[in-house]
Amino acid sequence: MLKVGEIPVDVVKTSETAFLSSKNGNKDGGKLKMPDQQNASLMAPRADKGKWQSKSDNPTPYWGSSACEVSGKIYLIGGLTLQFIGVNTVQEYDPILDTWTKKKDMPTPRGWLSTIAIDGLIY
């Protein structure tokens, strides 16, 4: 049983942690932050030596999307355009092939949503 303050995983320095972005960048303190080695569209750890490697960009980047994994593939679902318009898109990323595939759209647009995968199904 964990005691208060114990963390059950290894923690890395924040300087080694990448975050998701798009080619459009993020506003940070009024300045536009463009992707770089620590700020790439999608970063995935390589098995050898634990280094980060940049992978292919999502062809239709949105923000406020949700992501989950099913059978080794990552699904990026919904989100918002830069004009705050919700989208109903579903993109599948295959990290082995480093490819994005458009899947069937959701019935309604959604942004700032949450998803979870249980028994191979996305809810």
Protein backbone atom coordinates (compact mmCIF):
# COMPACT_ATOMS: atom_id res chain seq x y z
CA MET A 1 0.00 0.00 0.00
CA LEU A 2 1.31 3.47 -0.88
CA LYS A 3 1.87 6.06 1.79
CA VAL A 4 0.90 9.70 1.33
CA GLY A 5 3.35 11.35 -1.08
CA GLU A 6 4.68 8.12 -2.59
CA ILE A 7 4.70 7.91 -6.38
CA PRO A 8 4.50 4.36 -7.87
CA VAL A 9 6.38 5.24 -11.08
CA ASP A 10 9.73 6.66 -12.10
CA VAL A 11 9.58 10.41 -12.60
CA VAL A 12 11.60 12.11 -15.36
CA LYS A 13 12.84 15.67 -15.37
CA THR A 14 10.42 18.04 -17.06
CA SER A 15 13.22 19.07 -19.42
CA GLU A 16 13.07 15.52 -20.81
CA THR A 17 9.29 15.52 -21.23
CA ALA A 18 7.84 16.47 -24.61
CA PHE A 19 4.31 17.75 -25.10
CA LEU A 20 1.91 17.66 -28.02
CA SER A 21 1.61 20.65 -30.29
CA SER A 22 0.94 21.45 -33.92
CA LYS A 23 2.75 23.41 -36.59
CA ASN A 24 0.53 26.32 -35.57
CA GLY A 25 2.35 26.54 -32.23
CA ASN A 26 1.01 27.51 -28.82
CA LYS A 27 0.65 30.89 -27.19
CA ASP A 28 2.83 31.13 -24.11
CA GLY A 29 2.97 34.46 -22.32
CA GLY A 30 1.90 36.26 -25.50
CA LYS A 31 4.72 34.66 -27.50
CA LEU A 32 4.16 32.05 -30.16
CA LYS A 33 5.95 28.81 -29.24
CA MET A 34 6.78 26.76 -32.31
CA PRO A 35 7.50 23.01 -32.27
CA ASP A 36 11.09 21.94 -31.70
CA GLN A 37 12.80 18.83 -30.33
CA GLN A 38 11.02 19.23 -26.99
CA ASN A 39 7.77 20.49 -28.54
CA ALA A 40 6.90 18.22 -31.47
CA SER A 41 3.56 17.14 -32.91
CA LEU A 42 4.01 13.59 -31.68
CA MET A 43 6.98 12.19 -29.83
CA ALA A 44 7.52 8.52 -29.06
CA PRO A 45 10.27 6.91 -26.98
CA ARG A 46 12.58 4.50 -28.75
CA ALA A 47 13.42 1.26 -27.01
CA ASP A 48 17.15 1.79 -27.43
CA LYS A 49 18.68 4.13 -24.86
CA GLY A 50 15.32 5.74 -24.00
CA LYS A 51 15.70 8.67 -26.40
CA TRP A 52 12.82 10.61 -27.93
CA GLN A 53 12.25 10.52 -31.66
CA SER A 54 9.99 12.83 -33.67
CA LYS A 55 7.27 11.04 -35.64
CA SER A 56 4.98 12.17 -38.47
CA ASP A 57 2.57 15.04 -37.85
CA ASN A 58 -1.18 14.52 -37.75
CA PRO A 59 -2.41 15.78 -41.14
CA THR A 60 -5.34 17.60 -39.50
CA PRO A 61 -4.13 19.04 -36.17
CA TYR A 62 -6.72 20.25 -33.67
CA TRP A 63 -6.57 21.16 -30.02
CA GLY A 64 -8.90 20.02 -27.22
CA SER A 65 -8.89 16.50 -28.66
CA SER A 66 -8.84 13.25 -26.73
CA ALA A 67 -6.47 10.36 -27.35
CA CYS A 68 -6.51 6.72 -26.33
CA GLU A 69 -4.80 3.48 -27.37
CA VAL A 70 -6.37 0.29 -28.70
CA SER A 71 -4.30 -2.70 -29.87
CA GLY A 72 -1.12 -0.67 -30.19
CA LYS A 73 -2.69 2.12 -32.24
CA ILE A 74 -3.40 5.64 -30.97
CA TYR A 75 -6.76 7.26 -31.71
CA LEU A 76 -7.04 11.06 -31.76
CA ILE A 77 -10.70 11.98 -31.43
CA GLY A 78 -12.59 15.26 -31.93
CA GLY A 79 -11.18 18.62 -30.92
CA LEU A 80 -11.45 22.26 -31.87
CA THR A 81 -10.17 24.33 -34.77
CA LEU A 82 -8.22 27.53 -34.13
CA GLN A 83 -11.60 29.31 -34.53
CA PHE A 84 -13.05 27.27 -31.60
CA ILE A 85 -15.27 25.19 -33.89
CA GLY A 86 -15.80 21.60 -32.75
CA VAL A 87 -14.89 18.76 -35.11
CA ASN A 88 -16.13 15.19 -35.35
CA THR A 89 -13.00 13.62 -36.83
CA VAL A 90 -11.29 10.42 -35.71
CA GLN A 91 -7.66 9.80 -36.70
CA GLU A 92 -5.76 6.54 -36.12
CA TYR A 93 -1.99 6.61 -35.67
CA ASP A 94 0.09 3.47 -36.20
CA PRO A 95 3.43 3.96 -34.41
CA ILE A 96 5.00 0.94 -36.15
CA LEU A 97 4.25 2.24 -39.67
CA ASP A 98 4.37 5.92 -38.56
CA THR A 99 1.16 6.61 -40.50
CA TRP A 100 -2.14 8.42 -39.84
CA THR A 101 -5.44 7.02 -41.17
CA LYS A 102 -8.76 8.88 -41.17
CA LYS A 103 -11.49 6.77 -39.60
CA LYS A 104 -15.28 7.19 -39.66
CA ASP A 105 -16.39 10.54 -38.21
CA MET A 106 -18.36 10.76 -34.96
CA PRO A 107 -22.05 11.66 -35.37
CA THR A 108 -21.54 15.05 -33.67
CA PRO A 109 -18.63 17.48 -33.24
CA ARG A 110 -16.95 17.50 -29.81
CA GLY A 111 -14.12 19.43 -28.20
CA TRP A 112 -12.57 19.11 -24.73
CA LEU A 113 -13.89 15.57 -24.54
CA SER A 114 -12.56 12.54 -22.69
CA THR A 115 -12.22 9.03 -24.04
CA ILE A 116 -11.25 5.69 -22.56
CA ALA A 117 -10.61 2.31 -24.15
CA ILE A 118 -12.03 -0.80 -22.44
CA ASP A 119 -11.81 -4.28 -23.96
CA GLY A 120 -10.88 -2.86 -27.37
CA LEU A 121 -13.79 -0.39 -27.49
CA ILE A 122 -13.50 3.39 -27.22
CA TYR A 123 -16.04 5.18 -25.02
